[in-house]
């Protein structure tokens, strides 16, 4: 009985996380470069699917898969947040653009990731905070940076910059500081 109450409490709390109001003024960019203005109301991101919910100025709601649009932009706290559509390991994703440099582009996953959780009574879904990064070099596909292997991956990719490679793992050059590492590159 205690497990049932714990499960119900967990599901109840996760509903509040899911129902977090995201309603930002923005626009969708089509493959031919046209911008359709409206509001971005939800970004759905999981291991099996990625989509954005968009409401145009006429009030009609659309759900876009990353393969159908080039990206989207919305305004949050006075700053523009830009997402682009990319293919990673045969799967289309919306990736948030964090940094664009001459030699490298840094992408991040959406803030929340939908995850399947196995419980005694079956499976349920819950939202988790997501911190996934991808790096794209000129004329190459984006590759994902994982928390446990980020030093090894970046040492291989940034071998032409030994001074930066030597700093990896030290304070200020850890996985959570990925944006600063890429800016320094």
C-alpha atoms as a PDB file:
ATOM      1  CA  UNK A   1       0.000   0.000   0.000  1.00  0.00           C
ATOM      2  CA  UNK A   2       2.878   2.331   0.801  1.00  0.00           C
ATOM      3  CA  UNK A   3       4.275   1.816  -2.708  1.00  0.00           C
ATOM      4  CA  UNK A   4       0.919   2.700  -4.265  1.00  0.00           C
ATOM      5  CA  UNK A   5       0.779   5.977  -2.328  1.00  0.00           C
ATOM      6  CA  UNK A   6       4.364   6.751  -3.247  1.00  0.00           C
ATOM      7  CA  UNK A   7       3.614   6.098  -6.927  1.00  0.00           C
ATOM      8  CA  UNK A   8       0.496   8.275  -6.841  1.00  0.00           C
ATOM      9  CA  UNK A   9       2.370  11.108  -5.135  1.00  0.00           C
ATOM     10  CA  UNK A  10       5.162  10.820  -7.699  1.00  0.00           C
ATOM     11  CA  UNK A  11       2.701  10.933 -10.624  1.00  0.00           C
ATOM     12  CA  UNK A  12       0.845  13.856  -9.059  1.00  0.00           C
ATOM     13  CA  UNK A  13       4.081  15.859  -8.698  1.00  0.00           C
ATOM     14  CA  UNK A  14       5.217  15.005 -12.219  1.00  0.00           C
ATOM     15  CA  UNK A  15       1.918  16.341 -13.596  1.00  0.00           C
ATOM     16  CA  UNK A  16       2.797  19.773 -12.223  1.00  0.00           C
ATOM     17  CA  UNK A  17       6.165  19.645 -13.957  1.00  0.00           C
ATOM     18  CA  UNK A  18       4.468  18.632 -17.210  1.00  0.00           C
ATOM     19  CA  UNK A  19       1.835  21.341 -16.926  1.00  0.00           C
ATOM     20  CA  UNK A  20       4.429  24.083 -16.598  1.00  0.00           C
ATOM     21  CA  UNK A  21       3.166  26.882 -18.807  1.00  0.00           C
ATOM     22  CA  UNK A  22       5.446  27.560 -21.734  1.00  0.00           C
ATOM     23  CA  UNK A  23       3.869  30.157 -23.930  1.00  0.00           C
ATOM     24  CA  UNK A  24       6.436  32.354 -25.656  1.00  0.00           C
ATOM     25  CA  UNK A  25       6.095  34.675 -28.601  1.00  0.00           C
ATOM     26  CA  UNK A  26       8.139  33.390 -31.499  1.00  0.00           C
ATOM     27  CA  UNK A  27       8.178  32.022 -35.009  1.00  0.00           C
ATOM     28  CA  UNK A  28       8.772  28.854 -36.990  1.00  0.00           C
ATOM     29  CA  UNK A  29      11.295  28.839 -39.854  1.00  0.00           C
ATOM     30  CA  UNK A  30      10.247  26.704 -42.821  1.00  0.00           C
ATOM     31  CA  UNK A  31      12.682  24.884 -45.117  1.00  0.00           C
ATOM     32  CA  UNK A  32      12.354  27.630 -47.732  1.00  0.00           C
ATOM     33  CA  UNK A  33      13.307  30.302 -45.154  1.00  0.00           C
ATOM     34  CA  UNK A  34       9.856  31.758 -44.457  1.00  0.00           C
ATOM     35  CA  UNK A  35       9.039  32.805 -40.904  1.00  0.00           C
ATOM     36  CA  UNK A  36       5.555  32.070 -39.548  1.00  0.00           C
ATOM     37  CA  UNK A  37       4.884  34.124 -36.430  1.00  0.00           C
ATOM     38  CA  UNK A  38       2.876  32.980 -33.440  1.00  0.00           C
ATOM     39  CA  UNK A  39       3.553  31.352 -30.087  1.00  0.00           C
ATOM     40  CA  UNK A  40       5.647  28.363 -29.033  1.00  0.00           C
ATOM     41  CA  UNK A  41       3.603  26.520 -26.414  1.00  0.00           C
ATOM     42  CA  UNK A  42       5.479  23.247 -25.864  1.00  0.00           C
ATOM     43  CA  UNK A  43       8.723  21.496 -26.764  1.00  0.00           C
ATOM     44  CA  UNK A  44       8.433  17.725 -26.447  1.00  0.00           C
ATOM     45  CA  UNK A  45      11.716  15.842 -26.242  1.00  0.00           C
ATOM     46  CA  UNK A  46      12.263  12.166 -25.471  1.00  0.00           C
ATOM     47  CA  UNK A  47      14.387   9.240 -26.608  1.00  0.00           C
ATOM     48  CA  UNK A  48      11.786   8.222 -29.161  1.00  0.00           C
ATOM     49  CA  UNK A  49      10.283  11.513 -30.370  1.00  0.00           C
ATOM     50  CA  UNK A  50      10.845  15.240 -30.651  1.00  0.00           C
ATOM     51  CA  UNK A  51       8.281  17.878 -31.620  1.00  0.00           C
ATOM     52  CA  UNK A  52       7.234  21.455 -30.997  1.00  0.00           C
ATOM     53  CA  UNK A  53       3.705  22.770 -30.511  1.00  0.00           C
ATOM     54  CA  UNK A  54       3.124  26.080 -32.268  1.00  0.00           C
ATOM     55  CA  UNK A  55       0.036  28.314 -32.295  1.00  0.00           C
ATOM     56  CA  UNK A  56      -0.097  30.748 -35.209  1.00  0.00           C
ATOM     57  CA  UNK A  57      -1.554  34.265 -35.035  1.00  0.00           C
ATOM     58  CA  UNK A  58      -4.952  32.956 -36.136  1.00  0.00           C
ATOM     59  CA  UNK A  59      -5.085  30.693 -33.062  1.00  0.00           C
ATOM     60  CA  UNK A  60      -4.602  27.401 -34.895  1.00  0.00           C
ATOM     61  CA  UNK A  61      -2.346  24.859 -33.189  1.00  0.00           C
ATOM     62  CA  UNK A  62       0.254  22.773 -35.042  1.00  0.00           C
ATOM     63  CA  UNK A  63       2.697  20.108 -33.918  1.00  0.00           C
ATOM     64  CA  UNK A  64       5.887  20.063 -35.965  1.00  0.00           C
ATOM     65  CA  UNK A  65       8.333  17.198 -36.258  1.00  0.00           C
ATOM     66  CA  UNK A  66      11.971  18.351 -36.734  1.00  0.00           C
ATOM     67  CA  UNK A  67      12.072  16.970 -40.300  1.00  0.00           C
ATOM     68  CA  UNK A  68       9.205  19.240 -41.387  1.00  0.00           C
ATOM     69  CA  UNK A  69      10.710  22.614 -40.413  1.00  0.00           C
ATOM     70  CA  UNK A  70      14.168  24.184 -40.362  1.00  0.00           C
ATOM     71  CA  UNK A  71      13.831  25.397 -36.784  1.00  0.00           C
ATOM     72  CA  UNK A  72      12.085  27.857 -34.519  1.00  0.00           C
ATOM     73  CA  UNK A  73      12.874  30.891 -32.383  1.00  0.00           C
ATOM     74  CA  UNK A  74      11.141  32.305 -29.330  1.00  0.00           C
ATOM     75  CA  UNK A  75      11.782  35.076 -26.856  1.00  0.00           C
ATOM     76  CA  UNK A  76      12.418  34.200 -23.212  1.00  0.00           C
ATOM     77  CA  UNK A  77      13.318  36.821 -20.592  1.00  0.00           C
ATOM     78  CA  UNK A  78      14.342  39.329 -23.230  1.00  0.00           C
ATOM     79  CA  UNK A  79      16.626  36.951 -25.145  1.00  0.00           C
ATOM     80  CA  UNK A  80      16.022  35.011 -28.327  1.00  0.00           C
ATOM     81  CA  UNK A  81      16.232  31.241 -27.958  1.00  0.00           C
ATOM     82  CA  UNK A  82      16.934  29.454 -31.246  1.00  0.00           C
ATOM     83  CA  UNK A  83      16.415  25.779 -32.070  1.00  0.00           C
ATOM     84  CA  UNK A  84      17.431  24.065 -35.300  1.00  0.00           C
ATOM     85  CA  UNK A  85      16.459  20.700 -36.764  1.00  0.00           C
ATOM     86  CA  UNK A  86      19.322  18.208 -37.009  1.00  0.00           C
ATOM     87  CA  UNK A  87      19.749  14.501 -37.608  1.00  0.00           C
ATOM     88  CA  UNK A  88      21.717  12.554 -35.001  1.00  0.00           C
ATOM     89  CA  UNK A  89      22.166   8.775 -35.395  1.00  0.00           C
ATOM     90  CA  UNK A  90      19.282   8.541 -37.842  1.00  0.00           C
ATOM     91  CA  UNK A  91      16.887  10.432 -35.582  1.00  0.00           C
ATOM     92  CA  UNK A  92      15.584  13.973 -36.053  1.00  0.00           C
ATOM     93  CA  UNK A  93      16.002  16.310 -33.063  1.00  0.00           C
ATOM     94  CA  UNK A  94      15.434  19.928 -32.169  1.00  0.00           C
ATOM     95  CA  UNK A  95      18.737  21.261 -30.842  1.00  0.00           C
ATOM     96  CA  UNK A  96      19.087  24.567 -29.024  1.00  0.00           C
ATOM     97  CA  UNK A  97      21.892  26.723 -30.419  1.00  0.00           C
ATOM     98  CA  UNK A  98      24.119  27.851 -27.539  1.00  0.00           C
ATOM     99  CA  UNK A  99      27.181  29.114 -29.375  1.00  0.00           C
ATOM    100  CA  UNK A 100      28.148  29.670 -33.009  1.00  0.00           C
ATOM    101  CA  UNK A 101      31.834  30.194 -33.726  1.00  0.00           C
ATOM    102  CA  UNK A 102      33.984  30.035 -36.840  1.00  0.00           C
ATOM    103  CA  UNK A 103      35.225  26.505 -36.134  1.00  0.00           C
ATOM    104  CA  UNK A 104      32.507  25.015 -33.950  1.00  0.00           C
ATOM    105  CA  UNK A 105      28.800  25.161 -33.069  1.00  0.00           C
ATOM    106  CA  UNK A 106      27.478  24.036 -29.673  1.00  0.00           C
ATOM    107  CA  UNK A 107      23.954  22.648 -29.334  1.00  0.00           C
ATOM    108  CA  UNK A 108      21.994  21.626 -26.269  1.00  0.00           C
ATOM    109  CA  UNK A 109      18.917  19.501 -25.765  1.00  0.00           C
ATOM    110  CA  UNK A 110      15.657  21.080 -24.608  1.00  0.00           C
ATOM    111  CA  UNK A 111      15.450  21.756 -20.858  1.00  0.00           C
ATOM    112  CA  UNK A 112      13.155  18.833 -20.089  1.00  0.00           C
ATOM    113  CA  UNK A 113      13.240  15.266 -21.367  1.00  0.00           C
ATOM    114  CA  UNK A 114      10.323  12.844 -21.222  1.00  0.00           C
ATOM    115  CA  UNK A 115      11.448   9.501 -19.788  1.00  0.00           C
ATOM    116  CA  UNK A 116       9.718   6.127 -19.383  1.00  0.00           C
ATOM    117  CA  UNK A 117      10.001   4.749 -15.844  1.00  0.00           C
ATOM    118  CA  UNK A 118       9.254   1.160 -14.939  1.00  0.00           C
ATOM    119  CA  UNK A 119       7.175   0.701 -11.821  1.00  0.00           C
ATOM    120  CA  UNK A 120       5.492  -2.248 -10.144  1.00  0.00           C
ATOM    121  CA  UNK A 121       2.188  -1.490 -11.849  1.00  0.00           C
ATOM    122  CA  UNK A 122       3.752  -0.973 -15.288  1.00  0.00           C
ATOM    123  CA  UNK A 123       5.364   1.978 -17.014  1.00  0.00           C
ATOM    124  CA  UNK A 124       4.800   5.666 -16.501  1.00  0.00           C
ATOM    125  CA  UNK A 125       6.253   8.802 -18.040  1.00  0.00           C
ATOM    126  CA  UNK A 126       7.971  11.610 -16.186  1.00  0.00           C
ATOM    127  CA  UNK A 127       9.853  14.782 -17.037  1.00  0.00           C
ATOM    128  CA  UNK A 128      13.528  15.011 -16.119  1.00  0.00           C
ATOM    129  CA  UNK A 129      15.989  17.858 -16.438  1.00  0.00           C
ATOM    130  CA  UNK A 130      18.140  17.278 -19.486  1.00  0.00           C
ATOM    131  CA  UNK A 131      21.743  18.388 -20.039  1.00  0.00           C
ATOM    132  CA  UNK A 132      22.785  16.858 -23.336  1.00  0.00           C
ATOM    133  CA  UNK A 133      25.283  18.603 -25.604  1.00  0.00           C
ATOM    134  CA  UNK A 134      26.233  18.214 -29.255  1.00  0.00           C
ATOM    135  CA  UNK A 135      29.169  19.801 -31.062  1.00  0.00           C
ATOM    136  CA  UNK A 136      29.307  20.397 -34.810  1.00  0.00           C
ATOM    137  CA  UNK A 137      32.550  21.026 -36.675  1.00  0.00           C
ATOM    138  CA  UNK A 138      32.656  22.541 -40.196  1.00  0.00           C
ATOM    139  CA  UNK A 139      31.302  20.186 -42.884  1.00  0.00           C
ATOM    140  CA  UNK A 140      30.688  17.379 -40.363  1.00  0.00           C
ATOM    141  CA  UNK A 141      27.670  15.983 -38.584  1.00  0.00           C
ATOM    142  CA  UNK A 142      27.033  16.910 -34.957  1.00  0.00           C
ATOM    143  CA  UNK A 143      28.387  14.480 -32.371  1.00  0.00           C
ATOM    144  CA  UNK A 144      27.076  14.087 -28.847  1.00  0.00           C
ATOM    145  CA  UNK A 145      29.210  14.838 -25.800  1.00  0.00           C
ATOM    146  CA  UNK A 146      28.518  12.487 -22.880  1.00  0.00           C
ATOM    147  CA  UNK A 147      29.263  13.398 -19.230  1.00  0.00           C
ATOM    148  CA  UNK A 148      31.480  10.372 -18.551  1.00  0.00           C
ATOM    149  CA  UNK A 149      33.525  10.529 -21.765  1.00  0.00           C
ATOM    150  CA  UNK A 150      33.611  14.253 -22.542  1.00  0.00           C
ATOM    151  CA  UNK A 151      37.351  14.588 -21.826  1.00  0.00           C
ATOM    152  CA  UNK A 152      38.307  11.710 -24.110  1.00  0.00           C
ATOM    153  CA  UNK A 153      36.022  12.927 -26.909  1.00  0.00           C
ATOM    154  CA  UNK A 154      37.192  16.535 -26.720  1.00  0.00           C
ATOM    155  CA  UNK A 155      40.858  15.492 -26.541  1.00  0.00           C
ATOM    156  CA  UNK A 156      40.406  13.622 -29.828  1.00  0.00           C
ATOM    157  CA  UNK A 157      38.462  16.409 -31.537  1.00  0.00           C
ATOM    158  CA  UNK A 158      40.527  19.333 -30.186  1.00  0.00           C
ATOM    159  CA  UNK A 159      43.967  17.749 -30.624  1.00  0.00           C
ATOM    160  CA  UNK A 160      45.200  20.864 -32.481  1.00  0.00           C
ATOM    161  CA  UNK A 161      44.714  22.914 -29.296  1.00  0.00           C
ATOM    162  CA  UNK A 162      46.904  21.226 -26.634  1.00  0.00           C
ATOM    163  CA  UNK A 163      46.617  24.154 -24.202  1.00  0.00           C
ATOM    164  CA  UNK A 164      42.828  23.701 -24.064  1.00  0.00           C
ATOM    165  CA  UNK A 165      43.072  19.900 -23.902  1.00  0.00           C
ATOM    166  CA  UNK A 166      45.386  20.167 -20.876  1.00  0.00           C
ATOM    167  CA  UNK A 167      42.753  22.179 -18.974  1.00  0.00           C
ATOM    168  CA  UNK A 168      39.919  19.648 -19.457  1.00  0.00           C
ATOM    169  CA  UNK A 169      38.682  18.277 -16.124  1.00  0.00           C
ATOM    170  CA  UNK A 170      40.071  21.122 -14.032  1.00  0.00           C
ATOM    171  CA  UNK A 171      37.745  23.635 -12.315  1.00  0.00           C
ATOM    172  CA  UNK A 172      35.951  25.717 -14.949  1.00  0.00           C
ATOM    173  CA  UNK A 173      36.550  23.061 -17.618  1.00  0.00           C
ATOM    174  CA  UNK A 174      34.112  20.348 -16.562  1.00  0.00           C
ATOM    175  CA  UNK A 175      31.069  18.949 -18.370  1.00  0.00           C
ATOM    176  CA  UNK A 176      28.744  21.539 -16.845  1.00  0.00           C
ATOM    177  CA  UNK A 177      31.045  24.263 -18.274  1.00  0.00           C
ATOM    178  CA  UNK A 178      30.718  22.990 -21.855  1.00  0.00           C
ATOM    179  CA  UNK A 179      29.657  26.385 -23.234  1.00  0.00           C
ATOM    180  CA  UNK A 180      32.798  28.065 -21.843  1.00  0.00           C
ATOM    181  CA  UNK A 181      35.036  25.274 -23.163  1.00  0.00           C
ATOM    182  CA  UNK A 182      33.601  25.600 -26.669  1.00  0.00           C
ATOM    183  CA  UNK A 183      33.850  29.411 -26.592  1.00  0.00           C
ATOM    184  CA  UNK A 184      37.536  29.140 -25.726  1.00  0.00           C
ATOM    185  CA  UNK A 185      38.098  26.729 -28.624  1.00  0.00           C
END
